Amino acid sequence: MSISIVVDHVSFAWPDGTGVLDGLDAAFPAGRTGLIGLNGSGKSTLLKIVAGELVPRTGSVSVPGVVGHLPQNVVLGAGRTVSDLLEISRTRAALHAIERGDVAEEHFAAVGDDWDVEERALAELDRLGLAHLGLDRTVGTLSGGETVMVALAAQLLKRPDVLLLDEPTNNLDLDARQRLHAAVTAWPGVLLVVSHDRALLELVDQIAELRDGGVRVYGGNLTSYEEQVATEQESAERSVRAAEGEVRRQRRELVEARTRIDRGLRTGRKAFENKKVPKIVANTLKGKAQVSAGKQRTLHLEKLQEARERLTEAEQAVRDDAEIRIQLPGTEVPAGRTVLTLPLEPPRRTSGDTAEGDTEEGDTKSTRNVLETLVVRGPERIALLGPNGSGKTTLLKRIVEHGAHVPVRYLPQRLDLLDDTLSVVDNVRAVAPSASVNDVRARLARFLFRGERANQTVGTLSGGERFRATLAALLSAEPPPQLLLLDEPTNNLDLASVRRLAEALSAYQGALIVASHDLPFLETLGITRRLHQDRDEGLAES
């Protein structure tokens, strides 16, 4: 299989000295490659280096042809338009000027060969389910999912030879995910995608894992990768058990050898004391015995050390990935207690009207009960569903602005609650002023920010690390939240962290409202109610 992307001894560190990659060598084959790894391992940084957006401190990258890059966080701006996100505004302006009769040379230079850019842009938007947006729609009116899909359309318009996607399914509803999956399946060039979306990773030709400073490529999709890793881990665990047995055996033989040596020395001393042998003979025997004893001890100690080294090597082959451990003290809400009463805006249409494309995940509008007031009681666990642009994020923000009967905390999609110029420690101390520095550090250690990692500036964190830091700040805030609002919380998390987050939240004793398109994640939370937000009908439950 021919090699498409070659990374040669690449090192990278942020301006504050925080290292990310150190002498990385990697080769990504042709076809569709899923790049996975623990949060903070450098996946997003590597994609930016391949795209030429970051310059490595050492090493080089070889990439064939034109590169398109969809970053994890799309650069926004409420006043920008869809045309701006598609990066065609300059070309469109030149086209319109020419159509008005302005034949200035710079207009023709701006257009180049893109005389059909508007038609191609609209066709690309239509293919991704965004035909309703139009090119002049402002970014401020788009949902997070619509923004991601427009940014994807921008990259596809470039007709790149190599396409780099960083968590492309973040914020996408079920329909949008299916359209993105179709685009990935049909992609004819080289594709490198960072994702925690299992369905997307089942569509790739190979999995590349960034781990312990290196990249290893596994043939096949995510299921094949997991099967290969499981087989490797079974073998590694057997090797550990065998190495542990060898260490125990060598320890036992060392003790037995010392016992034999000590017994021999005692026998020699008694023979001399009892005058059974002359002194000169006894001294000679004693000297030989001591030399032999020394050799025996050295031999057995060396064997024991070799066994310990083999055990260490075997243990290193066993994966022991650190995962977040969340504690939520003081969050319990008694059953039946009302924690939120929120009057809702009247829907734009009556529940008897219908519109195509607004149903989701197999639900039908005829079974929904439209709400006039949102009431949340006790430790309810509510899933907030609905297509992109239906107003889920707006509803969560309204809850925060309106206020609840208990302390409420909100985790937004874009994780913009922290001060990028401050360290992780200082951000948490800002929301927990009564906690000591040692207490804050102990809390952060449960979110994998240990030692100097807790001093890292938030602006240098990866998407997954930023999520952990934001969650740590929310759950450490005073007073602790008894109503927790989460907006697409699995965005940017690695597969292990998604699993651990679900386990932690399943033990949360407060009220929980989660807006998410990640159905497997929602199924693990013990959801007690499902609410559906519709852009025309308002909020309803089935």
Protein backbone atom coordinates (compact mmCIF):
# COMPACT_ATOMS: atom_id res chain seq x y z
CA MET A 1 0.00 0.00 0.00
CA SER A 2 1.47 3.37 -1.01
CA ILE A 3 2.27 5.94 1.65
CA SER A 4 0.38 9.25 1.48
CA ILE A 5 1.42 11.30 4.50
CA VAL A 6 4.87 10.98 6.05
CA VAL A 7 5.79 12.59 9.36
CA ASP A 8 9.56 12.62 9.89
CA HIS A 9 10.92 13.16 13.43
CA VAL A 10 8.46 15.96 14.25
CA SER A 11 8.66 17.77 17.58
CA PHE A 12 6.35 20.54 18.76
CA ALA A 13 5.92 22.59 21.93
CA TRP A 14 3.71 25.55 22.81
CA PRO A 15 5.29 28.97 23.45
CA ASP A 16 5.16 28.41 27.24
CA GLY A 17 7.36 25.33 26.79
CA THR A 18 4.62 22.70 27.13
CA GLY A 19 5.68 19.78 24.96
CA VAL A 20 3.17 17.98 22.73
CA LEU A 21 5.14 15.89 20.23
CA ASP A 22 8.74 14.72 20.56
CA GLY A 23 10.56 13.20 17.57
CA LEU A 24 7.38 11.67 16.13
CA ASP A 25 7.75 9.40 13.11
CA ALA A 26 4.58 8.28 11.36
CA ALA A 27 3.30 7.19 7.96
CA PHE A 28 -0.40 7.27 7.07
CA PRO A 29 -1.37 4.99 4.18
CA ALA A 30 -3.65 5.94 1.32
CA GLY A 31 -7.38 5.66 1.94
CA ARG A 32 -9.46 6.57 4.97
CA THR A 33 -7.57 6.57 8.29
CA GLY A 34 -9.10 7.09 11.72
CA LEU A 35 -6.64 8.76 14.12
CA ILE A 36 -7.37 7.92 17.76
CA GLY A 37 -5.59 8.42 21.07
CA LEU A 38 -6.09 9.67 24.59
CA ASN A 39 -6.99 13.32 25.15
CA GLY A 40 -3.87 15.45 25.12
CA SER A 41 -1.81 12.97 23.11
CA GLY A 42 -1.43 15.52 20.29
CA LYS A 43 -3.96 14.43 17.66
CA SER A 44 -5.30 17.91 16.85
CA THR A 45 -1.80 19.38 16.95
CA LEU A 46 -0.59 16.74 14.51
CA LEU A 47 -3.43 17.53 12.09
CA LYS A 48 -2.59 21.24 12.23
CA ILE A 49 1.06 20.46 11.49
CA VAL A 50 0.08 18.26 8.54
CA ALA A 51 -2.19 21.08 7.31
CA GLY A 52 0.70 23.56 7.57
CA GLU A 53 -1.06 25.68 10.19
CA LEU A 54 1.58 24.97 12.83
CA VAL A 55 5.34 24.79 12.25
CA PRO A 56 7.16 21.97 14.07
CA ARG A 57 10.20 22.77 16.15
CA THR A 58 12.07 19.94 14.44
CA GLY A 59 11.31 17.49 11.65
CA SER A 60 9.20 17.73 8.53
CA VAL A 61 5.93 16.54 6.97
CA SER A 62 5.43 15.33 3.41
CA VAL A 63 1.86 15.66 2.09
CA PRO A 64 0.83 15.09 -1.55
CA GLY A 65 -1.32 17.73 -3.23
CA VAL A 66 -3.83 20.22 -1.81
CA VAL A 67 -4.83 19.83 1.85
CA GLY A 68 -8.25 20.63 3.34
CA HIS A 69 -8.56 20.89 7.12
CA LEU A 70 -11.74 21.00 9.21
CA PRO A 71 -10.56 22.01 12.71
CA GLN A 72 -12.16 20.94 15.95
CA ASN A 73 -13.17 24.52 16.73
CA VAL A 74 -14.33 26.51 13.72
CA VAL A 75 -13.40 30.21 13.83
CA LEU A 76 -16.68 32.03 14.29
CA GLY A 77 -17.96 35.61 14.44
CA ALA A 78 -21.64 36.46 14.71
CA GLY A 79 -21.46 38.95 11.83
CA ARG A 80 -19.82 36.57 9.38
CA THR A 81 -21.91 34.87 6.73
CA VAL A 82 -22.20 31.38 5.29
CA SER A 83 -20.32 32.74 2.30
CA ASP A 84 -17.50 33.82 4.62
CA LEU A 85 -17.31 30.36 6.20
CA LEU A 86 -17.20 28.86 2.71
CA GLU A 87 -14.32 31.25 1.94
CA ILE A 88 -15.94 32.41 -1.31
CA SER A 89 -17.04 35.96 -0.40
CA ARG A 90 -14.16 37.63 -2.24
CA THR A 91 -14.83 35.57 -5.37
CA ARG A 92 -18.57 36.27 -5.18
CA ALA A 93 -18.00 40.00 -4.77
CA ALA A 94 -15.79 40.01 -7.86
CA LEU A 95 -18.37 38.02 -9.84
CA HIS A 96 -21.15 40.42 -8.89
CA ALA A 97 -18.97 43.40 -9.81
CA ILE A 98 -18.30 41.90 -13.25
CA GLU A 99 -22.03 41.23 -13.68
CA ARG A 100 -22.67 44.93 -12.97
CA GLY A 101 -20.29 45.85 -15.77
CA ASP A 102 -17.14 46.52 -13.72
CA VAL A 103 -14.38 44.88 -15.79
CA ALA A 104 -11.44 45.82 -13.56
CA GLU A 105 -8.55 43.40 -13.87
CA GLU A 106 -8.50 42.59 -10.15
CA HIS A 107 -12.05 41.20 -10.37
CA PHE A 108 -11.06 38.69 -13.05
CA ALA A 109 -7.97 37.76 -11.02
CA ALA A 110 -10.17 37.13 -7.97
CA VAL A 111 -12.55 34.91 -9.93
CA GLY A 112 -9.89 32.91 -11.74
CA ASP A 113 -11.57 29.71 -12.99
CA ASP A 114 -14.34 29.78 -10.36
CA TRP A 115 -17.12 31.24 -12.50
CA ASP A 116 -19.54 28.65 -11.13
CA VAL A 117 -18.49 29.05 -7.47
CA GLU A 118 -21.98 30.02 -6.28
CA GLU A 119 -23.63 27.09 -8.05
CA ARG A 120 -21.03 24.68 -6.68
CA ALA A 121 -21.39 26.13 -3.18
CA LEU A 122 -25.17 25.81 -3.20
CA ALA A 123 -24.92 22.25 -4.55
CA GLU A 124 -22.46 21.31 -1.81
CA LEU A 125 -24.73 22.82 0.85
CA ASP A 126 -27.68 20.91 -0.59
CA ARG A 127 -25.73 17.64 -0.53
CA LEU A 128 -25.04 18.19 3.17
CA GLY A 129 -28.65 19.07 3.97
CA LEU A 130 -28.04 22.83 4.25
CA ALA A 131 -29.88 24.14 1.18
CA HIS A 132 -32.22 26.14 3.45
CA LEU A 133 -29.39 28.33 4.74
CA GLY A 134 -28.45 30.42 1.72
CA LEU A 135 -25.08 32.08 1.23
CA ASP A 136 -25.86 35.33 3.04
CA ARG A 137 -27.15 33.82 6.30
CA THR A 138 -25.16 35.12 9.29
CA VAL A 139 -23.17 32.77 11.51
CA GLY A 140 -24.91 34.06 14.61
CA THR A 141 -28.15 32.44 13.44
CA LEU A 142 -26.60 29.01 12.85
CA SER A 143 -26.58 26.12 15.30
CA GLY A 144 -23.32 24.46 16.26
CA GLY A 145 -24.08 21.52 13.96
CA GLU A 146 -24.96 23.76 11.01
CA THR A 147 -21.70 25.66 11.51
CA VAL A 148 -19.69 22.41 11.41
CA MET A 149 -21.43 21.24 8.23
CA VAL A 150 -20.90 24.61 6.50
CA ALA A 151 -17.22 24.45 7.44
CA LEU A 152 -17.09 20.93 5.98
CA ALA A 153 -18.69 22.19 2.78
CA ALA A 154 -15.95 24.84 2.63
CA GLN A 155 -13.26 22.17 2.64
CA LEU A 156 -15.05 20.04 0.04
CA LEU A 157 -15.32 23.08 -2.25
CA LYS A 158 -11.52 23.25 -2.33
CA ARG A 159 -11.43 19.81 -3.98
CA PRO A 160 -8.43 18.80 -1.86
CA ASP A 161 -6.30 15.74 -2.44
CA VAL A 162 -5.95 15.24 1.32
CA LEU A 163 -8.82 15.92 3.74
CA LEU A 164 -8.17 16.30 7.48
CA LEU A 165 -11.21 16.16 9.79
CA ASP A 166 -10.98 16.86 13.54
CA GLU A 167 -14.03 15.58 15.47
CA PRO A 168 -16.35 16.37 12.53
CA THR A 169 -19.50 14.88 14.12
CA ASN A 170 -19.43 17.23 17.11
CA ASN A 171 -22.85 18.89 17.53
CA LEU A 172 -24.35 17.06 14.55
CA ASP A 173 -27.87 15.63 14.72
CA LEU A 174 -28.65 12.18 13.39
CA ASP A 175 -29.49 13.34 9.86
CA ALA A 176 -26.34 15.47 9.62
CA ARG A 177 -24.19 12.59 10.89
CA GLN A 178 -25.60 10.28 8.26
CA ARG A 179 -24.82 12.85 5.56
CA LEU A 180 -21.27 13.26 6.85
CA HIS A 181 -20.84 9.48 6.97
CA ALA A 182 -21.98 9.31 3.35
CA ALA A 183 -19.47 12.03 2.38
CA VAL A 184 -16.67 10.13 4.13
CA THR A 185 -17.64 6.84 2.48
CA ALA A 186 -17.66 8.48 -0.96
CA TRP A 187 -14.41 10.40 -0.44
CA PRO A 188 -12.03 9.44 -3.27
CA GLY A 189 -8.82 10.96 -1.92
CA VAL A 190 -6.74 10.63 1.23
CA LEU A 191 -8.66 11.10 4.48
CA LEU A 192 -7.32 11.42 8.03
CA VAL A 193 -10.04 11.84 10.64
CA VAL A 194 -9.79 12.34 14.40
CA SER A 195 -13.01 11.16 16.03
CA HIS A 196 -14.65 9.45 18.99
CA ASP A 197 -17.74 8.65 16.89
CA ARG A 198 -17.84 4.87 16.73
CA ALA A 199 -20.14 4.80 13.70
CA LEU A 200 -17.75 7.05 11.75
CA LEU A 201 -14.70 5.01 12.76
CA GLU A 202 -16.40 1.88 11.43
CA LEU A 203 -16.17 3.42 7.94
CA VAL A 204 -12.39 3.81 7.79
CA ASP A 205 -9.86 1.50 6.13
CA GLN A 206 -7.34 1.61 8.97
CA ILE A 207 -6.95 2.95 12.52
CA ALA A 208 -3.83 4.91 13.50
CA GLU A 209 -3.28 5.14 17.25
CA LEU A 210 -1.18 7.97 18.69
CA ARG A 211 0.13 6.57 21.96
CA ASP A 212 3.22 6.97 24.13
CA GLY A 213 4.75 9.38 21.64
CA GLY A 214 4.43 7.10 18.61
CA VAL A 215 1.90 6.11 15.95
CA ARG A 216 0.91 2.56 15.14
CA VAL A 217 -1.38 1.72 12.22
CA TYR A 218 -3.87 -1.17 12.49
CA GLY A 219 -5.54 -2.50 9.36
CA GLY A 220 -9.33 -2.41 9.37
CA ASN A 221 -11.99 -0.33 11.11
CA LEU A 222 -12.60 0.35 14.81
CA THR A 223 -14.04 -3.08 15.53
CA SER A 224 -11.02 -4.75 13.92
CA TYR A 225 -8.68 -2.47 15.91
CA GLU A 226 -10.40 -3.34 19.20
CA GLU A 227 -10.19 -7.06 18.40
CA GLN A 228 -6.45 -6.76 17.65
CA VAL A 229 -5.80 -4.77 20.83
CA ALA A 230 -7.83 -7.25 22.91
CA THR A 231 -5.74 -10.13 21.54
CA GLU A 232 -2.52 -8.22 22.28
CA GLN A 233 -3.66 -7.42 25.80
CA GLU A 234 -4.56 -11.04 26.54
CA SER A 235 -1.05 -12.03 25.44
CA ALA A 236 0.51 -9.18 27.46
CA GLU A 237 -1.40 -10.18 30.60
CA ARG A 238 -0.29 -13.81 30.17
CA SER A 239 3.29 -12.56 29.88
CA VAL A 240 2.88 -10.55 33.08
CA ARG A 241 1.56 -13.58 34.95
CA ALA A 242 4.44 -15.71 33.65
CA ALA A 243 6.97 -12.99 34.58
CA GLU A 244 5.47 -12.66 38.06
CA GLY A 245 5.79 -16.43 38.50
CA GLU A 246 9.43 -16.29 37.39
CA VAL A 247 10.18 -13.48 39.89
CA ARG A 248 8.62 -15.55 42.70
CA ARG A 249 10.66 -18.61 41.62
CA GLN A 250 13.92 -16.67 41.56
CA ARG A 251 13.20 -15.19 44.99
CA ARG A 252 12.54 -18.67 46.34
CA GLU A 253 15.75 -20.06 44.79
CA LEU A 254 17.73 -17.12 46.22
CA VAL A 255 16.43 -17.86 49.72
CA GLU A 256 17.18 -21.58 49.30
CA ALA A 257 20.68 -20.85 48.03
CA ARG A 258 21.40 -18.56 50.98
CA THR A 259 20.15 -21.25 53.34
CA ARG A 260 22.48 -23.86 51.79
CA ILE A 261 25.43 -21.48 51.87
CA ASP A 262 24.85 -20.52 55.50
CA ARG A 263 24.49 -24.20 56.42
CA GLY A 264 27.79 -25.04 54.72
CA LEU A 265 29.61 -22.21 56.48
CA ARG A 266 28.27 -23.31 59.86
CA THR A 267 29.40 -26.91 59.18
CA GLY A 268 32.92 -25.70 58.36
CA ARG A 269 33.13 -23.62 61.52
CA LYS A 270 32.02 -26.56 63.69
CA ALA A 271 34.58 -28.88 62.06
CA PHE A 272 37.33 -26.41 62.90
CA GLU A 273 36.05 -25.80 66.43
CA ASN A 274 35.86 -29.56 67.06
CA LYS A 275 39.46 -29.98 65.79
CA LYS A 276 38.32 -32.38 63.09
CA VAL A 277 40.55 -30.63 60.52
CA PRO A 278 43.80 -28.71 60.89
CA LYS A 279 43.57 -24.91 61.06
CA ILE A 280 45.30 -24.36 57.71
CA VAL A 281 42.92 -26.76 56.00
CA ALA A 282 39.93 -25.22 57.74
CA ASN A 283 40.96 -21.72 56.60
CA THR A 284 41.41 -22.93 53.04
CA LEU A 285 37.98 -24.56 53.05
CA LYS A 286 36.46 -21.48 54.63
CA GLY A 287 37.96 -19.22 51.96
CA LYS A 288 36.72 -21.45 49.16
CA ALA A 289 33.25 -21.63 50.75
CA GLN A 290 33.04 -17.84 51.05
CA VAL A 291 34.09 -17.36 47.40
CA SER A 292 31.58 -19.97 46.28
CA ALA A 293 28.88 -18.40 48.45
CA GLY A 294 29.59 -14.99 46.95
CA LYS A 295 29.37 -16.36 43.42
CA GLN A 296 26.12 -18.17 44.22
CA ARG A 297 24.54 -15.05 45.75
CA THR A 298 25.63 -12.94 42.77
CA LEU A 299 24.29 -15.49 40.30
CA HIS A 300 20.88 -15.72 41.98
CA LEU A 301 20.66 -11.94 42.44
CA GLU A 302 21.39 -11.48 38.73
CA LYS A 303 18.69 -14.01 37.82
CA LEU A 304 16.23 -12.24 40.12
CA GLN A 305 17.08 -8.87 38.57
CA GLU A 306 16.62 -10.29 35.06
CA ALA A 307 13.23 -11.68 36.09
CA ARG A 308 12.20 -8.29 37.49
CA GLU A 309 13.25 -6.57 34.25
CA ARG A 310 11.20 -9.03 32.20
CA LEU A 311 8.23 -8.34 34.50
CA THR A 312 8.63 -4.58 34.04
CA GLU A 313 8.79 -5.02 30.27
CA ALA A 314 5.70 -7.22 30.30
CA GLU A 315 3.78 -4.75 32.49
CA GLN A 316 4.58 -1.91 30.11
CA ALA A 317 2.82 -3.80 27.32
CA VAL A 318 -0.40 -3.86 29.37
CA ARG A 319 -2.53 -0.76 28.84
CA ASP A 320 -3.43 1.12 31.98
CA ASP A 321 -4.95 4.32 30.61
CA ALA A 322 -5.70 6.97 33.18
CA GLU A 323 -9.34 7.98 33.18
CA ILE A 324 -11.25 10.79 34.86
CA ARG A 325 -12.81 10.10 38.26
CA ILE A 326 -15.59 12.52 39.16
CA GLN A 327 -16.87 13.13 42.67
CA LEU A 328 -20.03 15.22 43.09
CA PRO A 329 -20.51 15.96 46.81
CA GLY A 330 -23.51 17.97 47.94
CA THR A 331 -25.50 17.49 44.74
CA GLU A 332 -28.30 15.29 46.04
CA VAL A 333 -31.87 16.46 45.37
CA PRO A 334 -34.78 14.84 47.23
CA ALA A 335 -37.26 12.97 45.06
CA GLY A 336 -40.22 15.14 44.12
CA ARG A 337 -38.61 18.47 44.93
CA THR A 338 -39.18 21.05 42.19
CA VAL A 339 -35.82 22.32 40.97
CA LEU A 340 -36.97 24.27 37.87
CA THR A 341 -40.13 26.02 36.67
CA LEU A 342 -39.63 27.69 33.28
CA PRO A 343 -42.49 29.24 31.24
CA LEU A 344 -41.95 28.45 27.57
CA GLU A 345 -42.51 30.62 24.54
CA PRO A 346 -45.56 29.59 22.47
CA PRO A 347 -44.72 27.53 19.37
CA ARG A 348 -44.91 29.11 15.93
CA ARG A 349 -47.26 26.36 14.73
CA THR A 350 -49.90 24.24 16.36
CA SER A 351 -49.03 20.65 17.12
CA GLY A 352 -51.41 19.54 14.35
CA ASP A 353 -49.19 21.01 11.63
CA THR A 354 -46.35 19.00 10.15
CA ALA A 355 -43.08 19.70 8.41
CA GLU A 356 -40.69 17.37 6.69
CA GLY A 357 -37.32 16.66 8.21
CA ASP A 358 -38.12 17.70 11.80
CA THR A 359 -38.58 14.26 13.29
CA GLU A 360 -35.57 12.56 14.83
CA GLU A 361 -34.50 9.11 15.93
CA GLY A 362 -37.75 7.47 14.94
CA ASP A 363 -40.08 9.80 16.91
CA THR A 364 -43.30 11.10 15.42
CA LYS A 365 -44.95 14.40 16.24
CA SER A 366 -48.36 12.85 16.71
CA THR A 367 -47.16 11.23 19.96
CA ARG A 368 -45.65 14.42 21.43
CA ASN A 369 -47.21 16.51 24.17
CA VAL A 370 -46.24 20.18 23.62
CA LEU A 371 -45.28 21.87 26.92
CA GLU A 372 -46.25 25.38 28.03
CA THR A 373 -44.04 25.20 31.12
CA LEU A 374 -40.94 23.12 31.74
CA VAL A 375 -41.04 21.67 35.25
CA VAL A 376 -38.17 19.56 36.55
CA ARG A 377 -38.53 17.68 39.83
CA GLY A 378 -36.13 15.74 41.99
CA PRO A 379 -33.16 13.93 40.48
CA GLU A 380 -34.74 13.68 37.02
CA ARG A 381 -32.46 12.74 34.14
CA ILE A 382 -33.69 14.45 30.98
CA ALA A 383 -32.44 13.93 27.43
CA LEU A 384 -32.98 17.02 25.27
CA LEU A 385 -33.27 15.96 21.63
CA GLY A 386 -33.94 17.72 18.35
CA PRO A 387 -32.36 18.49 14.98
CA ASN A 388 -29.61 21.07 14.50
CA GLY A 389 -30.93 24.61 14.71
CA SER A 390 -34.05 23.63 16.65
CA GLY A 391 -33.08 25.68 19.70
CA LYS A 392 -31.69 23.19 22.24
CA THR A 393 -28.74 25.41 23.17
CA THR A 394 -31.03 28.44 23.33
CA LEU A 395 -33.30 26.60 25.77
CA LEU A 396 -30.39 25.66 28.03
CA LYS A 397 -29.21 29.28 28.07
CA ARG A 398 -32.74 30.42 28.94
CA ILE A 399 -32.73 28.09 31.94
CA VAL A 400 -29.47 29.66 33.14
CA GLU A 401 -30.79 33.20 32.64
CA HIS A 402 -34.16 32.44 34.22
CA GLY A 403 -32.64 30.71 37.22
CA ALA A 404 -33.66 27.56 39.07
CA HIS A 405 -34.75 26.77 42.62
CA VAL A 406 -31.39 25.10 43.25
CA PRO A 407 -27.79 25.87 42.25
CA VAL A 408 -27.44 25.36 38.49
CA ARG A 409 -24.32 24.95 36.32
CA TYR A 410 -24.08 24.94 32.54
CA LEU A 411 -21.47 23.23 30.35
CA PRO A 412 -21.69 24.89 26.90
CA GLN A 413 -20.77 23.33 23.56
CA ARG A 414 -17.90 25.68 22.93
CA LEU A 415 -16.28 25.37 26.36
CA ASP A 416 -15.75 29.13 26.64
CA LEU A 417 -16.17 29.43 30.43
CA LEU A 418 -12.47 29.46 31.28
CA ASP A 419 -9.89 32.24 31.04
CA ASP A 420 -7.36 31.16 28.40
CA THR A 421 -4.62 33.28 30.00
CA LEU A 422 -4.83 31.58 33.40
CA SER A 423 -3.63 28.16 34.50
CA VAL A 424 -6.01 25.29 35.17
CA VAL A 425 -5.44 25.71 38.91
CA ASP A 426 -6.20 29.43 38.87
CA ASN A 427 -9.38 28.91 36.84
CA VAL A 428 -10.72 26.45 39.39
CA ARG A 429 -9.67 28.64 42.33
CA ALA A 430 -11.64 31.50 40.77
CA VAL A 431 -14.92 29.55 41.15
CA ALA A 432 -13.99 27.88 44.44
CA PRO A 433 -12.42 30.71 46.48
CA SER A 434 -12.77 28.99 49.86
CA ALA A 435 -10.84 25.88 48.74
CA SER A 436 -7.14 25.66 49.53
CA VAL A 437 -4.58 25.26 46.76
CA ASN A 438 -3.89 21.70 47.91
CA ASP A 439 -7.61 20.89 47.85
CA VAL A 440 -7.94 22.30 44.33
CA ARG A 441 -4.95 20.28 43.18
CA ALA A 442 -6.42 17.14 44.71
CA ARG A 443 -9.67 17.74 42.81
CA LEU A 444 -7.79 18.38 39.57
CA ALA A 445 -5.81 15.16 39.98
CA ARG A 446 -9.11 13.28 39.62
CA PHE A 447 -9.46 14.97 36.22
CA LEU A 448 -5.89 13.89 35.26
CA PHE A 449 -4.30 17.31 35.87
CA ARG A 450 -1.44 16.23 38.11
CA GLY A 451 1.70 18.11 39.07
CA GLU A 452 2.81 20.58 36.42
CA ARG A 453 -0.16 19.67 34.20
CA ALA A 454 -2.35 21.63 36.61
CA ASN A 455 -0.18 24.71 36.01
CA GLN A 456 -0.66 24.55 32.23
CA THR A 457 -2.27 27.60 30.63
CA VAL A 458 -5.82 26.82 29.50
CA GLY A 459 -5.19 28.36 26.07
CA THR A 460 -2.69 25.57 25.30
CA LEU A 461 -5.02 22.67 26.17
CA SER A 462 -6.39 20.21 23.64
CA GLY A 463 -10.15 19.98 23.12
CA GLY A 464 -10.48 17.00 25.46
CA GLU A 465 -8.22 18.55 28.09
CA ARG A 466 -10.23 21.76 27.93
CA PHE A 467 -13.40 19.76 28.50
CA ARG A 468 -11.89 18.13 31.58
CA ALA A 469 -10.71 21.49 32.93
CA THR A 470 -14.12 23.08 32.34
CA LEU A 471 -15.93 20.17 33.97
CA ALA A 472 -13.54 20.32 36.93
CA ALA A 473 -14.31 24.03 37.37
CA LEU A 474 -18.08 23.49 37.12
CA LEU A 475 -18.18 20.66 39.61
CA SER A 476 -15.79 22.39 42.02
CA ALA A 477 -17.80 25.62 42.00
CA GLU A 478 -19.40 26.89 45.19
CA PRO A 479 -22.15 25.95 45.83
CA PRO A 480 -22.06 22.56 44.01
CA PRO A 481 -24.67 22.16 41.25
CA GLN A 482 -27.94 20.39 41.96
CA LEU A 483 -29.14 21.04 38.41
CA LEU A 484 -26.53 20.27 35.77
CA LEU A 485 -27.02 21.35 32.14
CA LEU A 486 -24.76 19.67 29.58
CA ASP A 487 -24.66 20.69 25.92
CA GLU A 488 -23.10 17.94 23.77
CA PRO A 489 -20.75 16.84 26.58
CA THR A 490 -19.09 14.01 24.62
CA ASN A 491 -17.64 16.38 22.03
CA ASN A 492 -13.83 16.18 21.93
CA LEU A 493 -13.58 13.27 24.38
CA ASP A 494 -11.64 10.12 23.60
CA LEU A 495 -13.52 6.82 23.69
CA ALA A 496 -12.32 5.89 27.19
CA SER A 497 -13.29 9.29 28.63
CA VAL A 498 -16.79 9.08 27.11
CA ARG A 499 -17.27 5.77 28.87
CA ARG A 500 -15.96 7.07 32.20
CA LEU A 501 -18.01 10.29 31.95
CA ALA A 502 -21.16 8.21 31.49
CA GLU A 503 -20.25 6.09 34.51
CA ALA A 504 -19.59 9.17 36.65
CA LEU A 505 -22.82 10.93 35.65
CA SER A 506 -24.82 7.78 36.27
CA ALA A 507 -23.92 8.22 39.96
CA TYR A 508 -24.82 11.95 39.99
CA GLN A 509 -27.64 12.59 42.49
CA GLY A 510 -28.84 15.95 41.21
CA ALA A 511 -31.15 16.83 38.33
CA LEU A 512 -29.61 16.47 34.89
CA ILE A 513 -30.55 17.88 31.47
CA VAL A 514 -28.35 16.67 28.62
CA ALA A 515 -28.56 17.91 25.04
CA SER A 516 -26.86 15.28 22.91
CA HIS A 517 -27.04 13.43 19.61
CA ASP A 518 -24.88 10.64 21.04
CA LEU A 519 -27.57 8.02 21.58
CA PRO A 520 -25.26 5.28 23.00
CA PHE A 521 -24.02 7.81 25.58
CA LEU A 522 -27.57 8.82 26.56
CA GLU A 523 -28.57 5.18 26.99
CA THR A 524 -25.96 4.77 29.73
CA LEU A 525 -27.26 7.66 31.85
CA GLY A 526 -30.54 6.14 33.00
CA ILE A 527 -32.64 8.79 31.24
CA THR A 528 -36.09 9.22 32.85
CA ARG A 529 -37.61 11.71 30.37
CA ARG A 530 -37.05 12.60 26.73
CA LEU A 531 -37.86 16.13 25.59
CA HIS A 532 -37.87 17.15 21.93
CA GLN A 533 -37.10 20.71 20.85
CA ASP A 534 -38.58 21.70 17.48
CA ARG A 535 -37.88 24.99 15.74
CA ASP A 536 -41.59 25.43 14.92
CA GLU A 537 -43.50 23.42 17.51
CA GLY A 538 -41.51 24.26 20.63
CA LEU A 539 -40.71 21.80 23.42
CA ALA A 540 -42.60 18.53 23.70
CA GLU A 541 -42.34 15.13 25.30
CA SER A 542 -43.59 11.77 24.18
